[in-house]
C-alpha atoms as a PDB file:
ATOM      1  CA  MET A   1     -41.445  30.034 -27.728  1.00  0.00           C
ATOM      2  CA  GLY A   2     -39.914  26.647 -26.856  1.00  0.00           C
ATOM      3  CA  HIS A   3     -41.489  23.260 -27.219  1.00  0.00           C
ATOM      4  CA  GLY A   4     -42.649  21.329 -24.179  1.00  0.00           C
ATOM      5  CA  PHE A   5     -40.810  18.165 -23.064  1.00  0.00           C
ATOM      6  CA  LYS A   6     -42.445  14.895 -23.994  1.00  0.00           C
ATOM      7  CA  CYS A   7     -41.353  11.319 -23.400  1.00  0.00           C
ATOM      8  CA  PHE A   8     -43.101   8.394 -25.040  1.00  0.00           C
ATOM      9  CA  LEU A   9     -42.117   4.779 -24.509  1.00  0.00           C
ATOM     10  CA  TYR A  10     -43.065   2.370 -27.277  1.00  0.00           C
ATOM     11  CA  PHE A  11     -42.551  -1.379 -27.481  1.00  0.00           C
ATOM     12  CA  PRO A  12     -42.886  -2.456 -31.113  1.00  0.00           C
ATOM     13  CA  GLY A  13     -41.943  -5.938 -32.176  1.00  0.00           C
ATOM     14  CA  ASN A  14     -39.386  -7.020 -34.753  1.00  0.00           C
ATOM     15  CA  SER A  15     -41.213  -5.481 -37.685  1.00  0.00           C
ATOM     16  CA  ALA A  16     -38.649  -5.485 -40.485  1.00  0.00           C
ATOM     17  CA  GLY A  17     -41.309  -6.274 -43.062  1.00  0.00           C
ATOM     18  CA  SER A  18     -43.891  -3.727 -41.920  1.00  0.00           C
ATOM     19  CA  ASN A  19     -44.845  -0.462 -43.628  1.00  0.00           C
ATOM     20  CA  ARG A  20     -42.387   2.110 -42.300  1.00  0.00           C
ATOM     21  CA  VAL A  21     -44.393   5.187 -43.246  1.00  0.00           C
ATOM     22  CA  ASN A  22     -44.897   7.051 -39.947  1.00  0.00           C
ATOM     23  CA  ALA A  23     -43.619   3.905 -38.162  1.00  0.00           C
ATOM     24  CA  PHE A  24     -40.792   3.148 -35.782  1.00  0.00           C
ATOM     25  CA  GLY A  25     -39.157  -0.025 -34.585  1.00  0.00           C
ATOM     26  CA  VAL A  26     -36.032  -1.990 -33.652  1.00  0.00           C
ATOM     27  CA  ASN A  27     -34.820  -4.912 -35.745  1.00  0.00           C
ATOM     28  CA  GLN A  28     -32.864  -7.768 -34.174  1.00  0.00           C
ATOM     29  CA  PRO A  29     -32.363 -11.415 -35.176  1.00  0.00           C
ATOM     30  CA  ALA A  30     -34.848 -13.647 -33.380  1.00  0.00           C
ATOM     31  CA  HIS A  31     -32.259 -16.345 -32.569  1.00  0.00           C
ATOM     32  CA  LEU A  32     -28.473 -16.609 -32.370  1.00  0.00           C
ATOM     33  CA  SER A  33     -26.157 -19.369 -31.188  1.00  0.00           C
ATOM     34  CA  GLY A  34     -22.668 -19.114 -29.731  1.00  0.00           C
ATOM     35  CA  VAL A  35     -20.017 -21.457 -28.336  1.00  0.00           C
ATOM     36  CA  GLN A  36     -18.980 -21.182 -24.702  1.00  0.00           C
ATOM     37  CA  GLY A  37     -15.696 -19.295 -24.427  1.00  0.00           C
ATOM     38  CA  SER A  38     -16.048 -17.627 -27.829  1.00  0.00           C
ATOM     39  CA  SER A  39     -17.764 -14.342 -28.788  1.00  0.00           C
ATOM     40  CA  ILE A  40     -21.070 -13.425 -30.455  1.00  0.00           C
ATOM     41  CA  GLU A  41     -22.381 -10.362 -32.255  1.00  0.00           C
ATOM     42  CA  ILE A  42     -26.008  -9.224 -32.031  1.00  0.00           C
ATOM     43  CA  PRO A  43     -26.755  -6.865 -34.932  1.00  0.00           C
ATOM     44  CA  PHE A  44     -29.489  -4.274 -34.566  1.00  0.00           C
ATOM     45  CA  SER A  45     -31.062  -1.422 -36.506  1.00  0.00           C
ATOM     46  CA  PHE A  46     -33.843   1.071 -35.807  1.00  0.00           C
ATOM     47  CA  TYR A  47     -36.042   3.475 -37.696  1.00  0.00           C
ATOM     48  CA  PHE A  48     -38.424   6.327 -36.834  1.00  0.00           C
ATOM     49  CA  PRO A  49     -40.499   8.993 -38.537  1.00  0.00           C
ATOM     50  CA  TRP A  50     -39.681  12.014 -36.354  1.00  0.00           C
ATOM     51  CA  GLU A  51     -37.509  14.997 -37.108  1.00  0.00           C
ATOM     52  CA  LEU A  52     -34.497  15.021 -34.847  1.00  0.00           C
ATOM     53  CA  ALA A  53     -33.644  17.856 -32.515  1.00  0.00           C
ATOM     54  CA  GLU A  54     -30.532  19.936 -33.068  1.00  0.00           C
ATOM     55  CA  ASP A  55     -28.869  17.760 -30.446  1.00  0.00           C
ATOM     56  CA  PRO A  56     -30.545  14.350 -30.867  1.00  0.00           C
ATOM     57  CA  HIS A  57     -28.588  12.810 -27.966  1.00  0.00           C
ATOM     58  CA  MET A  58     -29.113   9.280 -29.264  1.00  0.00           C
ATOM     59  CA  ARG A  59     -28.658   6.500 -26.724  1.00  0.00           C
ATOM     60  CA  ILE A  60     -28.532   2.727 -27.137  1.00  0.00           C
ATOM     61  CA  LEU A  61     -29.462   0.613 -24.133  1.00  0.00           C
ATOM     62  CA  TRP A  62     -29.693  -3.170 -23.694  1.00  0.00           C
ATOM     63  CA  LYS A  63     -31.730  -5.352 -21.339  1.00  0.00           C
ATOM     64  CA  TRP A  64     -31.567  -9.073 -20.770  1.00  0.00           C
ATOM     65  CA  GLU A  65     -33.590 -12.061 -19.528  1.00  0.00           C
ATOM     66  CA  LYS A  66     -37.072 -10.555 -19.987  1.00  0.00           C
ATOM     67  CA  PHE A  67     -38.903  -7.632 -21.517  1.00  0.00           C
ATOM     68  CA  HIS A  68     -38.811  -5.588 -18.287  1.00  0.00           C
ATOM     69  CA  GLY A  69     -35.475  -7.072 -17.192  1.00  0.00           C
ATOM     70  CA  GLU A  70     -32.309  -5.413 -15.936  1.00  0.00           C
ATOM     71  CA  PHE A  71     -30.250  -3.026 -18.003  1.00  0.00           C
ATOM     72  CA  ILE A  72     -26.891  -4.512 -18.934  1.00  0.00           C
ATOM     73  CA  TYR A  73     -25.574  -1.701 -21.141  1.00  0.00           C
ATOM     74  CA  ASN A  74     -25.992   2.044 -21.612  1.00  0.00           C
ATOM     75  CA  SER A  75     -24.045   3.980 -24.205  1.00  0.00           C
ATOM     76  CA  THR A  76     -24.528   7.335 -22.401  1.00  0.00           C
ATOM     77  CA  PRO A  77     -23.656   7.639 -19.590  1.00  0.00           C
ATOM     78  CA  PRO A  78     -21.421   4.543 -19.968  1.00  0.00           C
ATOM     79  CA  PHE A  79     -22.666   1.557 -17.981  1.00  0.00           C
ATOM     80  CA  ILE A  80     -21.971  -2.190 -18.115  1.00  0.00           C
ATOM     81  CA  HIS A  81     -23.601  -4.757 -15.844  1.00  0.00           C
ATOM     82  CA  LYS A  82     -21.144  -6.393 -13.409  1.00  0.00           C
ATOM     83  CA  HIS A  83     -21.833  -9.832 -14.935  1.00  0.00           C
ATOM     84  CA  PHE A  84     -20.512  -8.558 -18.276  1.00  0.00           C
ATOM     85  CA  LYS A  85     -17.523  -6.640 -16.924  1.00  0.00           C
ATOM     86  CA  ASN A  86     -14.982  -6.190 -19.747  1.00  0.00           C
ATOM     87  CA  ARG A  87     -17.120  -8.416 -21.992  1.00  0.00           C
ATOM     88  CA  LEU A  88     -19.496  -6.002 -23.797  1.00  0.00           C
ATOM     89  CA  ILE A  89     -18.538  -3.857 -26.789  1.00  0.00           C
ATOM     90  CA  LEU A  90     -21.038  -1.678 -28.674  1.00  0.00           C
ATOM     91  CA  ASN A  91     -20.018  -0.954 -32.245  1.00  0.00           C
ATOM     92  CA  TRP A  92     -22.188   2.079 -32.912  1.00  0.00           C
ATOM     93  CA  THR A  93     -21.825   5.849 -33.064  1.00  0.00           C
ATOM     94  CA  GLN A  94     -24.393   8.619 -33.347  1.00  0.00           C
ATOM     95  CA  PRO A  95     -26.186   9.323 -35.717  1.00  0.00           C
ATOM     96  CA  GLN A  96     -25.972   5.792 -37.161  1.00  0.00           C
ATOM     97  CA  THR A  97     -29.201   3.804 -37.119  1.00  0.00           C
ATOM     98  CA  SER A  98     -27.550   0.374 -37.001  1.00  0.00           C
ATOM     99  CA  GLY A  99     -24.802  -1.310 -35.075  1.00  0.00           C
ATOM    100  CA  VAL A 100     -23.595  -4.448 -33.322  1.00  0.00           C
ATOM    101  CA  LEU A 101     -23.428  -5.499 -29.680  1.00  0.00           C
ATOM    102  CA  ARG A 102     -20.549  -7.893 -29.140  1.00  0.00           C
ATOM    103  CA  ILE A 103     -20.386 -10.253 -26.138  1.00  0.00           C
ATOM    104  CA  LEU A 104     -16.949 -11.696 -25.388  1.00  0.00           C
ATOM    105  CA  ASP A 105     -15.939 -14.904 -23.635  1.00  0.00           C
ATOM    106  CA  LEU A 106     -19.437 -16.399 -23.587  1.00  0.00           C
ATOM    107  CA  GLU A 107     -20.582 -18.093 -20.395  1.00  0.00           C
ATOM    108  CA  GLU A 108     -23.360 -20.574 -19.736  1.00  0.00           C
ATOM    109  CA  LYS A 109     -25.370 -17.918 -17.890  1.00  0.00           C
ATOM    110  CA  ASP A 110     -25.330 -15.692 -20.986  1.00  0.00           C
ATOM    111  CA  GLN A 111     -27.984 -17.936 -22.523  1.00  0.00           C
ATOM    112  CA  THR A 112     -31.075 -15.742 -22.390  1.00  0.00           C
ATOM    113  CA  VAL A 113     -32.964 -13.049 -24.355  1.00  0.00           C
ATOM    114  CA  TYR A 114     -31.486  -9.619 -25.173  1.00  0.00           C
ATOM    115  CA  PHE A 115     -33.540  -6.499 -25.912  1.00  0.00           C
ATOM    116  CA  CYS A 116     -32.276  -3.340 -27.605  1.00  0.00           C
ATOM    117  CA  ARG A 117     -33.781   0.020 -26.576  1.00  0.00           C
ATOM    118  CA  VAL A 118     -33.369   3.359 -28.383  1.00  0.00           C
ATOM    119  CA  SER A 119     -33.694   6.839 -26.906  1.00  0.00           C
ATOM    120  CA  LEU A 120     -33.346  10.126 -28.830  1.00  0.00           C
ATOM    121  CA  ASN A 121     -34.415  13.747 -28.853  1.00  0.00           C
ATOM    122  CA  THR A 122     -36.847  14.951 -31.540  1.00  0.00           C
ATOM    123  CA  ARG A 123     -38.119  18.445 -32.217  1.00  0.00           C
ATOM    124  CA  TYR A 124     -41.147  17.578 -30.112  1.00  0.00           C
ATOM    125  CA  GLY A 125     -39.560  15.754 -27.204  1.00  0.00           C
ATOM    126  CA  VAL A 126     -37.767  12.542 -26.190  1.00  0.00           C
ATOM    127  CA  GLU A 127     -38.831   9.338 -27.898  1.00  0.00           C
ATOM    128  CA  VAL A 128     -37.974   5.922 -26.417  1.00  0.00           C
ATOM    129  CA  TRP A 129     -38.816   2.529 -27.896  1.00  0.00           C
ATOM    130  CA  GLN A 130     -37.656  -1.042 -27.531  1.00  0.00           C
ATOM    131  CA  SER A 131     -37.759  -4.358 -29.314  1.00  0.00           C
ATOM    132  CA  LYS A 132     -40.580  -6.520 -27.982  1.00  0.00           C
ATOM    133  CA  LYS A 133     -39.279 -10.025 -28.825  1.00  0.00           C
ATOM    134  CA  GLY A 134     -35.545  -9.428 -28.571  1.00  0.00           C
ATOM    135  CA  THR A 135     -32.869 -11.942 -29.558  1.00  0.00           C
ATOM    136  CA  HIS A 136     -32.762 -15.362 -27.905  1.00  0.00           C
ATOM    137  CA  LEU A 137     -29.130 -16.413 -27.469  1.00  0.00           C
ATOM    138  CA  THR A 138     -28.275 -20.115 -27.150  1.00  0.00           C
ATOM    139  CA  ILE A 139     -24.896 -21.162 -25.700  1.00  0.00           C
ATOM    140  CA  THR A 140     -23.431 -24.526 -26.691  1.00  0.00           C
ATOM    141  CA  PRO A 141     -20.572 -26.201 -24.730  1.00  0.00           C
ATOM    142  CA  ALA A 142     -17.086 -25.892 -26.146  1.00  0.00           C
ATOM    143  CA  PRO A 143     -15.915 -29.088 -27.929  1.00  0.00           C
ATOM    144  CA  ARG A 144     -13.561 -31.275 -25.940  1.00  0.00           C
ATOM    145  CA  THR A 145     -10.099 -31.913 -27.343  1.00  0.00           C
ATOM    146  CA  THR A 146      -8.647 -35.443 -27.189  1.00  0.00           C
ATOM    147  CA  SER A 147      -5.024 -34.463 -27.650  1.00  0.00           C
ATOM    148  CA  PRO A 148      -3.007 -34.352 -24.402  1.00  0.00           C
ATOM    149  CA  SER A 149      -1.991 -31.006 -23.030  1.00  0.00           C
ATOM    150  CA  PRO A 150       1.691 -29.965 -23.388  1.00  0.00           C
ATOM    151  CA  THR A 151       2.177 -30.476 -19.649  1.00  0.00           C
ATOM    152  CA  SER A 152       0.754 -34.014 -19.749  1.00  0.00           C
ATOM    153  CA  ALA A 153       2.789 -34.877 -22.831  1.00  0.00           C
ATOM    154  CA  THR A 154       5.962 -33.561 -21.188  1.00  0.00           C
ATOM    155  CA  SER A 155       5.246 -35.525 -18.008  1.00  0.00           C
ATOM    156  CA  ALA A 156       4.613 -38.701 -20.001  1.00  0.00           C
ATOM    157  CA  LEU A 157       7.847 -38.182 -21.935  1.00  0.00           C
ATOM    158  CA  THR A 158       9.755 -37.575 -18.722  1.00  0.00           C
ATOM    159  CA  ARG A 159       8.342 -40.746 -17.166  1.00  0.00           C
ATOM    160  CA  THR A 160       9.298 -42.706 -20.280  1.00  0.00           C
ATOM    161  CA  GLU A 161      12.842 -41.362 -20.256  1.00  0.00           C
ATOM    162  CA  LEU A 162      13.232 -42.085 -16.528  1.00  0.00           C
ATOM    163  CA  THR A 163      11.974 -45.646 -17.018  1.00  0.00           C
ATOM    164  CA  ARG A 164      14.323 -46.169 -19.951  1.00  0.00           C
ATOM    165  CA  THR A 165      17.265 -44.812 -17.949  1.00  0.00           C
ATOM    166  CA  ALA A 166      16.438 -47.068 -14.983  1.00  0.00           C
ATOM    167  CA  LEU A 167      16.203 -50.141 -17.225  1.00  0.00           C
ATOM    168  CA  THR A 168      19.518 -49.299 -18.889  1.00  0.00           C
ATOM    169  CA  ALA A 169      21.217 -48.885 -15.513  1.00  0.00           C
ATOM    170  CA  THR A 170      19.760 -52.189 -14.286  1.00  0.00           C
ATOM    171  CA  GLU A 171      20.900 -54.010 -17.416  1.00  0.00           C
ATOM    172  CA  GLY A 172      24.368 -52.485 -17.022  1.00  0.00           C
ATOM    173  CA  LYS A 173      24.591 -53.683 -13.429  1.00  0.00           C
ATOM    174  CA  LYS A 174      23.436 -57.166 -14.423  1.00  0.00           C
ATOM    175  CA  SER A 175      25.920 -57.261 -17.306  1.00  0.00           C
ATOM    176  CA  GLY A 176      28.789 -56.129 -15.060  1.00  0.00           C
ATOM    177  CA  LYS A 177      27.890 -58.756 -12.463  1.00  0.00           C
ATOM    178  CA  ASN A 178      27.813 -61.444 -15.105  1.00  0.00           C
ATOM    179  CA  GLN A 179      31.223 -60.353 -16.356  1.00  0.00           C
ATOM    180  CA  ILE A 180      32.660 -60.475 -12.814  1.00  0.00           C
ATOM    181  CA  LEU A 181      31.191 -63.921 -12.193  1.00  0.00           C
ATOM    182  CA  GLY A 182      32.497 -65.186 -15.526  1.00  0.00           C
ATOM    183  CA  LEU A 183      36.061 -63.991 -14.766  1.00  0.00           C
ATOM    184  CA  GLY A 184      36.047 -65.595 -11.319  1.00  0.00           C
ATOM    185  CA  THR A 185      34.816 -68.882 -12.760  1.00  0.00           C
ATOM    186  CA  ARG A 186      37.546 -68.875 -15.387  1.00  0.00           C
ATOM    187  CA  VAL A 187      40.258 -68.153 -12.798  1.00  0.00           C
ATOM    188  CA  GLY A 188      38.938 -70.919 -10.545  1.00  0.00           C
ATOM    189  CA  LEU A 189      38.901 -73.417 -13.392  1.00  0.00           C
ATOM    190  CA  ALA A 190      42.441 -72.447 -14.362  1.00  0.00           C
ATOM    191  CA  VAL A 191      43.700 -72.903 -10.794  1.00  0.00           C
ATOM    192  CA  ALA A 192      41.938 -76.268 -10.483  1.00  0.00           C
ATOM    193  CA  ALA A 193      43.418 -77.397 -13.786  1.00  0.00           C
ATOM    194  CA  ALA A 194      46.873 -76.300 -12.674  1.00  0.00           C
ATOM    195  CA  VAL A 195      46.529 -78.157  -9.378  1.00  0.00           C
ATOM    196  CA  LEU A 196      45.281 -81.261 -11.168  1.00  0.00           C
ATOM    197  CA  LEU A 197      48.088 -81.070 -13.696  1.00  0.00           C
ATOM    198  CA  ALA A 198      50.648 -80.630 -10.916  1.00  0.00           C
ATOM    199  CA  GLY A 199      49.233 -83.669  -9.128  1.00  0.00           C
ATOM    200  CA  VAL A 200      49.353 -85.777 -12.300  1.00  0.00           C
ATOM    201  CA  LEU A 201      52.926 -84.695 -13.023  1.00  0.00           C
ATOM    202  CA  GLY A 202      53.941 -85.416  -9.416  1.00  0.00           C
ATOM    203  CA  LEU A 203      52.376 -88.872  -9.638  1.00  0.00           C
ATOM    204  CA  ILE A 204      54.222 -89.590 -12.901  1.00  0.00           C
ATOM    205  CA  VAL A 205      57.534 -88.475 -11.387  1.00  0.00           C
ATOM    206  CA  PHE A 206      56.904 -90.571  -8.279  1.00  0.00           C
ATOM    207  CA  LEU A 207      56.058 -93.680 -10.285  1.00  0.00           C
ATOM    208  CA  GLY A 208      59.117 -93.187 -12.467  1.00  0.00           C
ATOM    209  CA  TRP A 209      61.281 -92.846  -9.423  1.00  0.00           C
ATOM    210  CA  ARG A 210      59.890 -96.042  -7.893  1.00  0.00           C
ATOM    211  CA  ARG A 211      60.472 -97.909 -11.132  1.00  0.00           C
ATOM    212  CA  ARG A 212      64.078 -96.815 -11.391  1.00  0.00           C
ATOM    213  CA  LYS A 213      64.684 -97.708  -7.745  1.00  0.00           C
ATOM    214  CA  GLY A 214      63.356-101.231  -8.263  1.00  0.00           C
ATOM    215  CA  LYS A 215      65.603-101.809 -11.241  1.00  0.00           C
ATOM    216  CA  TRP A 216      68.627-100.523  -9.308  1.00  0.00           C
ATOM    217  CA  SER A 217      67.916-102.899  -6.432  1.00  0.00           C
ATOM    218  CA  LYS A 218      67.904-105.948  -8.772  1.00  0.00           C
ATOM    219  CA  THR A 219      71.197-105.087 -10.509  1.00  0.00           C
ATOM    220  CA  VAL A 220      73.324-104.496  -7.401  1.00  0.00           C
ATOM    221  CA  PRO A 221      74.992-107.889  -6.185  1.00  0.00           C
ATOM    222  CA  HIS A 222      74.631-108.950  -2.632  1.00  0.00           C
ATOM    223  CA  GLN A 223      77.899-108.952  -0.602  1.00  0.00           C
ATOM    224  CA  THR A 224      78.808-112.128   1.335  1.00  0.00           C
ATOM    225  CA  SER A 225      80.742-112.109   4.519  1.00  0.00           C
END
């Protein structure tokens, strides 16, 4: 003769220090803190006094935000809330009575309370119970880094190199212009000096010629008719 189906839902608190004789419960840390963008692990364990059925069909479920809040995870059948898509990992296998829920890539909205629920088959029916207080998760902002990003550093370096190249080109143009002006000035001065020297020499030759002509005029006798 088979046993009738029974389902009892219990909501004990975090009673790790209570007398476990004929008792049941779920243990979770009361508070945890994580950094935005990182991951966090919520450990849990449970205990019960009942004799398990041949197929205990243990299930671990999680709720968030409040005691009667939404389900965010179900081990069987597999379910993950859309907010936690690809971000929840349950490290637990039947018939273990402890495990870890891992939340990846923490977001600001993840700051709330998380409740673990256990469901299993006993020889007398299905038993379901849940943590009453849950685990309050606090999310802190990720620390800001002061070092420039590789892209910014590369852009700054590129701007510096371009500025240096422009200054070098400008200095080269100025230097070349100065050299051209200096050569023209020297050529002009040389031509002026040559012209001046030619004028002085011409004047000396002219004066010498006049002097010789005067002497020649005095030495030649006048002819009388």
